[in-house]
Amino acid sequence: MRAPAAAAFEVTPVECNWEPRQDSMLKRAKTLAKLLDVLGPLATFWFVVDRLLQHVSKARVLLVFLREPELLAGLDPMLPSGVAARVRRPDQLGKLAAACAEMLGTDFLAEARSNGAECVVILDGETVVSFQWLSERLTWAYDDIWIGFGPRYLYGYHSFTAPSHRGRRLNYSGVVIAAQALAVPRVKGLAGYILGSNVPSLLAHSRVSRQYSGIVGVWPQGKGGLRTFASRSLRVAGLQIVRKAMKPALANLKVGSPS
């Protein structure tokens, strides 16, 4: 029979473990409070669900944004003075800030080229300090999951701002410029997803809109099986989620955290 667990407390002072645990609980409480304030109770609920699912399965919750052309056309990109924005192809990005270069390895760029992806870059002088990728095709999302949004939308993904330039709303500017330079002229909306527990991305994208269009539950099963549960609005919009053989080159890709 095991000795009572309480005996451990007689040997080691409680204070050794209490403060880190207390700090962790406080941070979680602040995160939940901020999400409630910015995105409301429903998005906060899905944040909690996604966090829980990570501990028991490979199922994930995606919050999906669909922004229509008429909404995007009227937004102010609020590009700060001293920086400029350009649309570039994967082999024409130019000089990258060190942090941006770290997020855009040769394997990612090769995949972007083969997928016909385009990139909105924000430049400080001649240096790329922020970026936002756009695709019209089925695109790698995470693990062996690929996502597409049909012919009515451009898919915005893998956005990132160098730490040296954060706090200037460059991600917001990049999203709006991507919409107005690429999506609206093609009479398309702009679509994207965020994993339910990705707090930095949820808060960053809330600066464009605090509403999301629907949710998707993604549940890989076995070697190639997949079950999805999507809001009706997303099914009507043409959302596609499939499993494909994982490309080893993408397995260790870092995912950008917009800010």
C-alpha atoms as a PDB file:
ATOM      1  CA  MET A   1       0.000   0.000   0.000  1.00  0.00           C
ATOM      2  CA  ARG A   2       1.383   3.436  -0.914  1.00  0.00           C
ATOM      3  CA  ALA A   3       2.402   5.900   1.768  1.00  0.00           C
ATOM      4  CA  PRO A   4      -0.022   8.823   2.033  1.00  0.00           C
ATOM      5  CA  ALA A   5       0.809  11.577  -0.433  1.00  0.00           C
ATOM      6  CA  ALA A   6       0.512  14.143   2.355  1.00  0.00           C
ATOM      7  CA  ALA A   7       3.765  12.859   3.854  1.00  0.00           C
ATOM      8  CA  ALA A   8       5.724  14.632   1.140  1.00  0.00           C
ATOM      9  CA  PHE A   9       4.718  17.989   2.581  1.00  0.00           C
ATOM     10  CA  GLU A  10       6.527  17.219   5.824  1.00  0.00           C
ATOM     11  CA  VAL A  11       9.897  17.111   4.065  1.00  0.00           C
ATOM     12  CA  THR A  12       9.897  19.980   1.548  1.00  0.00           C
ATOM     13  CA  PRO A  13       8.655  23.483   2.429  1.00  0.00           C
ATOM     14  CA  VAL A  14       5.499  24.325   0.511  1.00  0.00           C
ATOM     15  CA  GLU A  15       6.862  27.729  -0.473  1.00  0.00           C
ATOM     16  CA  CYS A  16       9.288  26.195  -2.975  1.00  0.00           C
ATOM     17  CA  ASN A  17       6.535  25.257  -5.416  1.00  0.00           C
ATOM     18  CA  TRP A  18       3.720  27.616  -4.496  1.00  0.00           C
ATOM     19  CA  GLU A  19       4.961  30.857  -6.046  1.00  0.00           C
ATOM     20  CA  PRO A  20       5.529  29.501  -9.599  1.00  0.00           C
ATOM     21  CA  ARG A  21       2.161  27.756  -9.459  1.00  0.00           C
ATOM     22  CA  GLN A  22       0.513  30.935  -8.177  1.00  0.00           C
ATOM     23  CA  ASP A  23       2.144  32.989 -10.949  1.00  0.00           C
ATOM     24  CA  SER A  24       0.973  30.495 -13.569  1.00  0.00           C
ATOM     25  CA  MET A  25      -2.598  30.573 -12.288  1.00  0.00           C
ATOM     26  CA  LEU A  26      -2.530  34.378 -12.209  1.00  0.00           C
ATOM     27  CA  LYS A  27      -1.319  34.537 -15.815  1.00  0.00           C
ATOM     28  CA  ARG A  28      -4.066  32.164 -16.924  1.00  0.00           C
ATOM     29  CA  ALA A  29      -6.664  34.239 -15.119  1.00  0.00           C
ATOM     30  CA  LYS A  30      -5.390  37.421 -16.782  1.00  0.00           C
ATOM     31  CA  THR A  31      -5.443  35.706 -20.187  1.00  0.00           C
ATOM     32  CA  LEU A  32      -9.043  34.595 -19.722  1.00  0.00           C
ATOM     33  CA  ALA A  33     -10.057  38.061 -18.517  1.00  0.00           C
ATOM     34  CA  LYS A  34      -8.441  39.709 -21.539  1.00  0.00           C
ATOM     35  CA  LEU A  35     -10.056  37.285 -23.977  1.00  0.00           C
ATOM     36  CA  LEU A  36     -13.431  37.837 -22.351  1.00  0.00           C
ATOM     37  CA  ASP A  37     -13.016  41.588 -22.655  1.00  0.00           C
ATOM     38  CA  VAL A  38     -11.782  41.577 -26.262  1.00  0.00           C
ATOM     39  CA  LEU A  39     -13.518  38.611 -27.906  1.00  0.00           C
ATOM     40  CA  GLY A  40     -16.389  37.770 -25.589  1.00  0.00           C
ATOM     41  CA  PRO A  41     -17.476  34.599 -23.780  1.00  0.00           C
ATOM     42  CA  LEU A  42     -17.917  32.322 -26.814  1.00  0.00           C
ATOM     43  CA  ALA A  43     -14.375  32.721 -28.156  1.00  0.00           C
ATOM     44  CA  THR A  44     -13.056  32.346 -24.622  1.00  0.00           C
ATOM     45  CA  PHE A  45     -15.019  29.106 -24.274  1.00  0.00           C
ATOM     46  CA  TRP A  46     -13.407  27.703 -27.448  1.00  0.00           C
ATOM     47  CA  PHE A  47      -9.982  28.779 -26.152  1.00  0.00           C
ATOM     48  CA  VAL A  48     -10.560  26.612 -23.067  1.00  0.00           C
ATOM     49  CA  VAL A  49     -11.868  23.696 -25.159  1.00  0.00           C
ATOM     50  CA  ASP A  50      -8.840  23.781 -27.485  1.00  0.00           C
ATOM     51  CA  ARG A  51      -6.461  23.864 -24.519  1.00  0.00           C
ATOM     52  CA  LEU A  52      -8.150  20.830 -22.999  1.00  0.00           C
ATOM     53  CA  LEU A  53      -8.183  18.887 -26.272  1.00  0.00           C
ATOM     54  CA  GLN A  54      -4.420  19.295 -26.645  1.00  0.00           C
ATOM     55  CA  HIS A  55      -3.942  17.207 -23.508  1.00  0.00           C
ATOM     56  CA  VAL A  56      -6.132  14.272 -24.524  1.00  0.00           C
ATOM     57  CA  SER A  57      -6.096  13.973 -28.337  1.00  0.00           C
ATOM     58  CA  LYS A  58      -4.953  15.444 -31.648  1.00  0.00           C
ATOM     59  CA  ALA A  59      -8.280  17.185 -32.110  1.00  0.00           C
ATOM     60  CA  ARG A  60      -8.163  20.965 -32.405  1.00  0.00           C
ATOM     61  CA  VAL A  61     -10.604  23.864 -32.553  1.00  0.00           C
ATOM     62  CA  LEU A  62     -10.128  26.487 -35.279  1.00  0.00           C
ATOM     63  CA  LEU A  63     -11.745  29.917 -35.193  1.00  0.00           C
ATOM     64  CA  VAL A  64     -12.326  31.015 -38.801  1.00  0.00           C
ATOM     65  CA  PHE A  65     -12.583  34.558 -40.131  1.00  0.00           C
ATOM     66  CA  LEU A  66     -14.307  35.358 -43.424  1.00  0.00           C
ATOM     67  CA  ARG A  67     -14.147  39.035 -44.362  1.00  0.00           C
ATOM     68  CA  GLU A  68     -16.156  40.179 -47.356  1.00  0.00           C
ATOM     69  CA  PRO A  69     -14.809  42.596 -50.025  1.00  0.00           C
ATOM     70  CA  GLU A  70     -17.206  45.410 -49.125  1.00  0.00           C
ATOM     71  CA  LEU A  71     -15.983  45.393 -45.513  1.00  0.00           C
ATOM     72  CA  LEU A  72     -12.312  45.294 -46.460  1.00  0.00           C
ATOM     73  CA  ALA A  73     -12.496  48.087 -49.023  1.00  0.00           C
ATOM     74  CA  GLY A  74     -13.444  50.666 -46.409  1.00  0.00           C
ATOM     75  CA  LEU A  75     -10.747  49.924 -43.816  1.00  0.00           C
ATOM     76  CA  ASP A  76      -7.898  52.348 -43.134  1.00  0.00           C
ATOM     77  CA  PRO A  77      -4.559  50.477 -43.209  1.00  0.00           C
ATOM     78  CA  MET A  78      -3.061  53.040 -40.805  1.00  0.00           C
ATOM     79  CA  LEU A  79       0.439  52.381 -42.125  1.00  0.00           C
ATOM     80  CA  PRO A  80       2.852  54.274 -39.845  1.00  0.00           C
ATOM     81  CA  SER A  81       5.046  56.972 -41.329  1.00  0.00           C
ATOM     82  CA  GLY A  82       8.526  55.855 -42.312  1.00  0.00           C
ATOM     83  CA  VAL A  83       7.513  52.410 -43.581  1.00  0.00           C
ATOM     84  CA  ALA A  84       6.127  51.184 -46.912  1.00  0.00           C
ATOM     85  CA  ALA A  85       4.215  48.124 -48.107  1.00  0.00           C
ATOM     86  CA  ARG A  86       4.754  46.033 -51.239  1.00  0.00           C
ATOM     87  CA  VAL A  87       3.346  42.815 -52.742  1.00  0.00           C
ATOM     88  CA  ARG A  88       6.090  40.331 -53.612  1.00  0.00           C
ATOM     89  CA  ARG A  89       6.589  36.740 -54.729  1.00  0.00           C
ATOM     90  CA  PRO A  90       8.561  34.206 -52.655  1.00  0.00           C
ATOM     91  CA  ASP A  91      11.713  34.667 -54.747  1.00  0.00           C
ATOM     92  CA  GLN A  92      11.490  38.493 -54.669  1.00  0.00           C
ATOM     93  CA  LEU A  93      11.273  39.263 -50.977  1.00  0.00           C
ATOM     94  CA  GLY A  94      14.511  41.243 -50.822  1.00  0.00           C
ATOM     95  CA  LYS A  95      16.469  41.966 -47.649  1.00  0.00           C
ATOM     96  CA  LEU A  96      14.879  40.440 -44.545  1.00  0.00           C
ATOM     97  CA  ALA A  97      15.289  41.495 -40.933  1.00  0.00           C
ATOM     98  CA  ALA A  98      17.049  38.719 -39.028  1.00  0.00           C
ATOM     99  CA  ALA A  99      13.894  37.687 -37.141  1.00  0.00           C
ATOM    100  CA  CYS A 100      11.875  37.571 -40.370  1.00  0.00           C
ATOM    101  CA  ALA A 101      14.554  35.533 -42.138  1.00  0.00           C
ATOM    102  CA  GLU A 102      14.424  33.005 -39.296  1.00  0.00           C
ATOM    103  CA  MET A 103      10.686  32.549 -39.923  1.00  0.00           C
ATOM    104  CA  LEU A 104      11.082  32.077 -43.687  1.00  0.00           C
ATOM    105  CA  GLY A 105      13.353  29.141 -44.331  1.00  0.00           C
ATOM    106  CA  THR A 106      14.146  27.756 -47.767  1.00  0.00           C
ATOM    107  CA  ASP A 107      11.671  24.892 -47.325  1.00  0.00           C
ATOM    108  CA  PHE A 108       8.802  27.251 -46.552  1.00  0.00           C
ATOM    109  CA  LEU A 109       9.680  29.490 -49.505  1.00  0.00           C
ATOM    110  CA  ALA A 110       9.898  26.502 -51.851  1.00  0.00           C
ATOM    111  CA  GLU A 111       6.434  25.396 -50.749  1.00  0.00           C
ATOM    112  CA  ALA A 112       5.107  28.950 -51.198  1.00  0.00           C
ATOM    113  CA  ARG A 113       6.531  29.114 -54.738  1.00  0.00           C
ATOM    114  CA  SER A 114       4.963  25.800 -55.729  1.00  0.00           C
ATOM    115  CA  ASN A 115       1.659  26.959 -54.259  1.00  0.00           C
ATOM    116  CA  GLY A 116       1.581  30.286 -56.118  1.00  0.00           C
ATOM    117  CA  ALA A 117       1.536  32.219 -52.842  1.00  0.00           C
ATOM    118  CA  GLU A 118       2.092  35.974 -52.610  1.00  0.00           C
ATOM    119  CA  CYS A 119       3.388  38.051 -49.736  1.00  0.00           C
ATOM    120  CA  VAL A 120       2.615  41.549 -48.492  1.00  0.00           C
ATOM    121  CA  VAL A 121       5.828  42.864 -46.954  1.00  0.00           C
ATOM    122  CA  ILE A 122       6.278  45.986 -44.867  1.00  0.00           C
ATOM    123  CA  LEU A 123       9.618  47.692 -45.319  1.00  0.00           C
ATOM    124  CA  ASP A 124      11.651  49.914 -43.062  1.00  0.00           C
ATOM    125  CA  GLY A 125      13.948  51.397 -45.653  1.00  0.00           C
ATOM    126  CA  GLU A 126      14.964  48.397 -47.749  1.00  0.00           C
ATOM    127  CA  THR A 127      14.479  45.824 -44.980  1.00  0.00           C
ATOM    128  CA  VAL A 128      11.405  43.599 -44.604  1.00  0.00           C
ATOM    129  CA  VAL A 129      10.241  43.913 -40.985  1.00  0.00           C
ATOM    130  CA  SER A 130       6.748  42.380 -41.276  1.00  0.00           C
ATOM    131  CA  PHE A 131       4.956  40.043 -43.658  1.00  0.00           C
ATOM    132  CA  GLN A 132       1.585  38.445 -44.438  1.00  0.00           C
ATOM    133  CA  TRP A 133       1.205  35.504 -46.856  1.00  0.00           C
ATOM    134  CA  LEU A 134      -1.752  34.970 -49.189  1.00  0.00           C
ATOM    135  CA  SER A 135      -2.836  31.903 -51.165  1.00  0.00           C
ATOM    136  CA  GLU A 136      -5.701  30.976 -53.470  1.00  0.00           C
ATOM    137  CA  ARG A 137      -4.997  27.251 -53.206  1.00  0.00           C
ATOM    138  CA  LEU A 138      -5.144  24.465 -50.665  1.00  0.00           C
ATOM    139  CA  THR A 139      -2.330  25.340 -48.253  1.00  0.00           C
ATOM    140  CA  TRP A 140      -0.471  23.553 -45.478  1.00  0.00           C
ATOM    141  CA  ALA A 141      -1.861  24.633 -42.077  1.00  0.00           C
ATOM    142  CA  TYR A 142      -0.273  22.505 -39.311  1.00  0.00           C
ATOM    143  CA  ASP A 143       0.842  18.897 -38.768  1.00  0.00           C
ATOM    144  CA  ASP A 144      -0.579  17.026 -41.803  1.00  0.00           C
ATOM    145  CA  ILE A 145      -3.643  19.273 -42.105  1.00  0.00           C
ATOM    146  CA  TRP A 146      -4.175  21.385 -45.229  1.00  0.00           C
ATOM    147  CA  ILE A 147      -6.808  24.082 -45.574  1.00  0.00           C
ATOM    148  CA  GLY A 148      -8.480  26.024 -48.370  1.00  0.00           C
ATOM    149  CA  PHE A 149     -11.339  28.494 -48.594  1.00  0.00           C
ATOM    150  CA  GLY A 150     -12.729  28.024 -52.093  1.00  0.00           C
ATOM    151  CA  PRO A 151     -12.809  30.491 -55.006  1.00  0.00           C
ATOM    152  CA  ARG A 152     -14.452  33.363 -53.123  1.00  0.00           C
ATOM    153  CA  TYR A 153     -11.598  34.027 -50.696  1.00  0.00           C
ATOM    154  CA  LEU A 154      -7.879  34.568 -50.420  1.00  0.00           C
ATOM    155  CA  TYR A 155      -6.379  32.688 -47.505  1.00  0.00           C
ATOM    156  CA  GLY A 156      -4.187  34.866 -45.280  1.00  0.00           C
ATOM    157  CA  TYR A 157      -1.614  32.945 -43.269  1.00  0.00           C
ATOM    158  CA  HIS A 158       1.823  32.949 -41.612  1.00  0.00           C
ATOM    159  CA  SER A 159       1.990  36.608 -40.603  1.00  0.00           C
ATOM    160  CA  PHE A 160       4.851  37.913 -38.508  1.00  0.00           C
ATOM    161  CA  THR A 161       6.424  41.155 -37.287  1.00  0.00           C
ATOM    162  CA  ALA A 162      10.030  41.448 -36.163  1.00  0.00           C
ATOM    163  CA  PRO A 163      10.282  42.127 -32.408  1.00  0.00           C
ATOM    164  CA  SER A 164      12.114  45.381 -33.145  1.00  0.00           C
ATOM    165  CA  HIS A 165       8.987  46.749 -34.855  1.00  0.00           C
ATOM    166  CA  ARG A 166       6.177  45.404 -32.692  1.00  0.00           C
ATOM    167  CA  GLY A 167       3.695  47.716 -31.034  1.00  0.00           C
ATOM    168  CA  ARG A 168       3.141  49.718 -34.239  1.00  0.00           C
ATOM    169  CA  ARG A 169       0.162  47.683 -35.518  1.00  0.00           C
ATOM    170  CA  LEU A 170       2.110  46.497 -38.571  1.00  0.00           C
ATOM    171  CA  ASN A 171       0.225  43.194 -38.633  1.00  0.00           C
ATOM    172  CA  TYR A 172      -3.065  45.109 -38.868  1.00  0.00           C
ATOM    173  CA  SER A 173      -1.647  47.256 -41.672  1.00  0.00           C
ATOM    174  CA  GLY A 174      -0.404  44.173 -43.518  1.00  0.00           C
ATOM    175  CA  VAL A 175      -3.785  42.430 -43.323  1.00  0.00           C
ATOM    176  CA  VAL A 176      -5.677  45.479 -44.607  1.00  0.00           C
ATOM    177  CA  ILE A 177      -3.179  46.144 -47.399  1.00  0.00           C
ATOM    178  CA  ALA A 178      -3.317  42.476 -48.415  1.00  0.00           C
ATOM    179  CA  ALA A 179      -7.078  42.765 -48.646  1.00  0.00           C
ATOM    180  CA  GLN A 180      -7.099  45.997 -50.610  1.00  0.00           C
ATOM    181  CA  ALA A 181      -4.176  45.222 -52.914  1.00  0.00           C
ATOM    182  CA  LEU A 182      -4.977  41.572 -53.654  1.00  0.00           C
ATOM    183  CA  ALA A 183      -8.398  40.420 -52.474  1.00  0.00           C
ATOM    184  CA  VAL A 184     -10.700  43.325 -53.328  1.00  0.00           C
ATOM    185  CA  PRO A 185      -9.414  43.850 -56.918  1.00  0.00           C
ATOM    186  CA  ARG A 186     -10.136  40.139 -57.554  1.00  0.00           C
ATOM    187  CA  VAL A 187     -13.610  40.499 -56.012  1.00  0.00           C
ATOM    188  CA  LYS A 188     -12.600  38.148 -53.221  1.00  0.00           C
ATOM    189  CA  GLY A 189     -12.859  38.269 -49.482  1.00  0.00           C
ATOM    190  CA  LEU A 190     -10.051  37.501 -47.068  1.00  0.00           C
ATOM    191  CA  ALA A 191     -10.143  34.333 -44.962  1.00  0.00           C
ATOM    192  CA  GLY A 192      -8.032  32.840 -42.242  1.00  0.00           C
ATOM    193  CA  TYR A 193      -8.095  30.657 -39.168  1.00  0.00           C
ATOM    194  CA  ILE A 194      -6.564  30.778 -35.724  1.00  0.00           C
ATOM    195  CA  LEU A 195      -6.113  27.826 -33.401  1.00  0.00           C
ATOM    196  CA  GLY A 196      -8.495  28.350 -30.510  1.00  0.00           C
ATOM    197  CA  SER A 197      -5.712  28.590 -27.921  1.00  0.00           C
ATOM    198  CA  ASN A 198      -3.339  30.856 -29.895  1.00  0.00           C
ATOM    199  CA  VAL A 199      -3.819  33.931 -27.719  1.00  0.00           C
ATOM    200  CA  PRO A 200      -1.305  36.289 -29.453  1.00  0.00           C
ATOM    201  CA  SER A 201      -2.947  35.692 -32.841  1.00  0.00           C
ATOM    202  CA  LEU A 202      -6.479  35.998 -31.440  1.00  0.00           C
ATOM    203  CA  LEU A 203      -5.659  39.356 -29.889  1.00  0.00           C
ATOM    204  CA  ALA A 204      -3.751  40.602 -32.950  1.00  0.00           C
ATOM    205  CA  HIS A 205      -6.550  39.757 -35.366  1.00  0.00           C
ATOM    206  CA  SER A 206      -9.122  41.349 -33.083  1.00  0.00           C
ATOM    207  CA  ARG A 207      -7.687  44.696 -34.194  1.00  0.00           C
ATOM    208  CA  VAL A 208      -9.154  44.054 -37.641  1.00  0.00           C
ATOM    209  CA  SER A 209     -12.406  42.575 -36.367  1.00  0.00           C
ATOM    210  CA  ARG A 210     -13.624  41.222 -33.032  1.00  0.00           C
ATOM    211  CA  GLN A 211     -16.028  38.834 -34.724  1.00  0.00           C
ATOM    212  CA  TYR A 212     -15.291  35.459 -36.245  1.00  0.00           C
ATOM    213  CA  SER A 213     -17.434  33.678 -38.806  1.00  0.00           C
ATOM    214  CA  GLY A 214     -17.532  30.161 -37.436  1.00  0.00           C
ATOM    215  CA  ILE A 215     -15.680  27.311 -35.809  1.00  0.00           C
ATOM    216  CA  VAL A 216     -14.245  24.037 -37.049  1.00  0.00           C
ATOM    217  CA  GLY A 217     -13.444  20.967 -35.020  1.00  0.00           C
ATOM    218  CA  VAL A 218     -10.618  18.993 -36.672  1.00  0.00           C
ATOM    219  CA  TRP A 219     -10.085  15.438 -35.446  1.00  0.00           C
ATOM    220  CA  PRO A 220      -7.409  13.305 -37.193  1.00  0.00           C
ATOM    221  CA  GLN A 221      -8.020   9.577 -36.790  1.00  0.00           C
ATOM    222  CA  GLY A 222      -5.509   6.836 -37.451  1.00  0.00           C
ATOM    223  CA  LYS A 223      -3.002   7.229 -40.266  1.00  0.00           C
ATOM    224  CA  GLY A 224      -5.211   8.991 -42.779  1.00  0.00           C
ATOM    225  CA  GLY A 225      -8.675   9.444 -41.303  1.00  0.00           C
ATOM    226  CA  LEU A 226     -10.184  12.823 -40.573  1.00  0.00           C
ATOM    227  CA  ARG A 227     -13.422  14.028 -39.022  1.00  0.00           C
ATOM    228  CA  THR A 228     -14.421  17.673 -39.171  1.00  0.00           C
ATOM    229  CA  PHE A 229     -17.302  19.564 -37.633  1.00  0.00           C
ATOM    230  CA  ALA A 230     -17.785  22.976 -39.257  1.00  0.00           C
ATOM    231  CA  SER A 231     -20.310  25.767 -38.857  1.00  0.00           C
ATOM    232  CA  ARG A 232     -22.845  25.846 -41.668  1.00  0.00           C
ATOM    233  CA  SER A 233     -21.655  29.277 -42.841  1.00  0.00           C
ATOM    234  CA  LEU A 234     -18.159  27.870 -43.393  1.00  0.00           C
ATOM    235  CA  ARG A 235     -19.430  24.865 -45.353  1.00  0.00           C
ATOM    236  CA  VAL A 236     -21.440  27.207 -47.592  1.00  0.00           C
ATOM    237  CA  ALA A 237     -18.342  29.388 -48.105  1.00  0.00           C
ATOM    238  CA  GLY A 238     -16.381  26.439 -49.508  1.00  0.00           C
ATOM    239  CA  LEU A 239     -14.072  25.610 -46.615  1.00  0.00           C
ATOM    240  CA  GLN A 240     -11.845  22.587 -47.327  1.00  0.00           C
ATOM    241  CA  ILE A 241      -9.825  20.662 -44.741  1.00  0.00           C
ATOM    242  CA  VAL A 242      -7.885  17.570 -45.792  1.00  0.00           C
ATOM    243  CA  ARG A 243      -5.050  15.396 -44.568  1.00  0.00           C
ATOM    244  CA  LYS A 244      -2.051  14.965 -46.822  1.00  0.00           C
ATOM    245  CA  ALA A 245       1.225  13.151 -46.344  1.00  0.00           C
ATOM    246  CA  MET A 246       3.361  15.383 -44.176  1.00  0.00           C
ATOM    247  CA  LYS A 247       6.278  16.936 -46.004  1.00  0.00           C
ATOM    248  CA  PRO A 248       9.378  16.485 -43.832  1.00  0.00           C
ATOM    249  CA  ALA A 249      10.570  19.942 -44.886  1.00  0.00           C
ATOM    250  CA  LEU A 250       7.582  21.552 -43.141  1.00  0.00           C
ATOM    251  CA  ALA A 251       7.646  19.458 -39.989  1.00  0.00           C
ATOM    252  CA  ASN A 252       9.766  21.931 -37.983  1.00  0.00           C
ATOM    253  CA  LEU A 253       8.437  25.135 -39.501  1.00  0.00           C
ATOM    254  CA  LYS A 254       7.948  27.856 -36.947  1.00  0.00           C
ATOM    255  CA  VAL A 255       4.511  29.454 -37.054  1.00  0.00           C
ATOM    256  CA  GLY A 256       4.452  33.233 -37.059  1.00  0.00           C
ATOM    257  CA  SER A 257       2.854  35.074 -34.160  1.00  0.00           C
ATOM    258  CA  PRO A 258       1.486  38.346 -35.515  1.00  0.00           C
ATOM    259  CA  SER A 259       1.729  41.481 -33.460  1.00  0.00           C
END
